[in-house]
Amino acid sequence: MIDDKKTKHHNKPNRMSDAEIMVILILFHSGGFRCFKHYYKEYVCKHLKHLFPRQVSYNRFV
């Protein structure tokens, strides 16, 4: 096959899996947090970073 130089290939942005999203939501509802934004930015992004290596920003998550 001959490669078509006219088409550009874009890399897909990092994306969390559905399972990771569900775990974050379950932990939020089972914990004592009241505000999801605070929970995600202060707890998930800082303390659970090792569990979710492909984290996305809060705006992209919502």
Protein backbone atom coordinates (compact mmCIF):
# COMPACT_ATOMS: atom_id res chain seq x y z
CA MET A 1 0.00 0.00 0.00
CA ILE A 2 1.05 3.54 -0.68
CA ASP A 3 0.66 6.00 2.18
CA ASP A 4 -1.56 8.96 1.45
CA LYS A 5 0.38 12.05 2.47
CA LYS A 6 -2.71 14.29 2.32
CA THR A 7 -4.47 12.77 5.32
CA LYS A 8 -3.21 13.67 8.74
CA HIS A 9 -3.40 11.29 11.63
CA HIS A 10 -4.35 12.78 14.97
CA ASN A 11 -3.49 11.17 18.26
CA LYS A 12 -6.46 10.48 20.50
CA PRO A 13 -6.39 12.53 23.70
CA ASN A 14 -5.82 10.74 26.97
CA ARG A 15 -9.07 9.31 28.16
CA MET A 16 -10.18 7.65 31.35
CA SER A 17 -11.89 4.31 31.02
CA ASP A 18 -15.54 3.88 31.96
CA ALA A 19 -14.48 1.69 34.89
CA GLU A 20 -12.22 4.44 36.28
CA ILE A 21 -15.03 6.98 36.02
CA MET A 22 -17.43 4.65 37.82
CA VAL A 23 -14.94 4.03 40.65
CA ILE A 24 -14.47 7.78 41.15
CA LEU A 25 -18.23 8.33 41.27
CA ILE A 26 -18.81 5.42 43.68
CA LEU A 27 -16.06 6.67 46.00
CA PHE A 28 -17.59 10.16 45.93
CA HIS A 29 -21.04 8.90 46.90
CA SER A 30 -19.71 6.57 49.60
CA GLY A 31 -17.42 9.22 51.11
CA GLY A 32 -18.37 12.25 53.15
CA PHE A 33 -17.83 14.80 50.41
CA ARG A 34 -20.48 17.37 49.55
CA CYS A 35 -19.00 19.06 46.49
CA PHE A 36 -17.83 16.93 43.58
CA LYS A 37 -15.50 19.62 42.23
CA HIS A 38 -13.65 19.86 45.54
CA TYR A 39 -13.53 16.06 45.84
CA TYR A 40 -12.10 15.60 42.34
CA LYS A 41 -9.55 18.41 42.43
CA GLU A 42 -8.37 18.02 46.01
CA TYR A 43 -8.69 14.29 46.66
CA VAL A 44 -8.62 12.38 43.38
CA CYS A 45 -6.03 14.52 41.59
CA LYS A 46 -3.70 14.70 44.59
CA HIS A 47 -4.17 11.56 46.69
CA LEU A 48 -5.39 9.00 44.14
CA LYS A 49 -3.05 9.96 41.31
CA HIS A 50 -1.27 6.59 41.46
CA LEU A 51 -4.58 4.74 40.94
CA PHE A 52 -5.65 6.81 37.91
CA PRO A 53 -2.61 7.42 35.70
CA ARG A 54 -4.69 8.79 32.79
CA GLN A 55 -6.46 11.50 34.77
CA VAL A 56 -8.19 14.25 32.91
CA SER A 57 -8.97 17.76 34.08
CA TYR A 58 -12.12 18.45 36.07
CA ASN A 59 -13.76 20.26 33.15
CA ARG A 60 -13.13 17.34 30.80
CA PHE A 61 -14.33 14.85 33.42
CA VAL A 62 -17.62 16.68 33.91
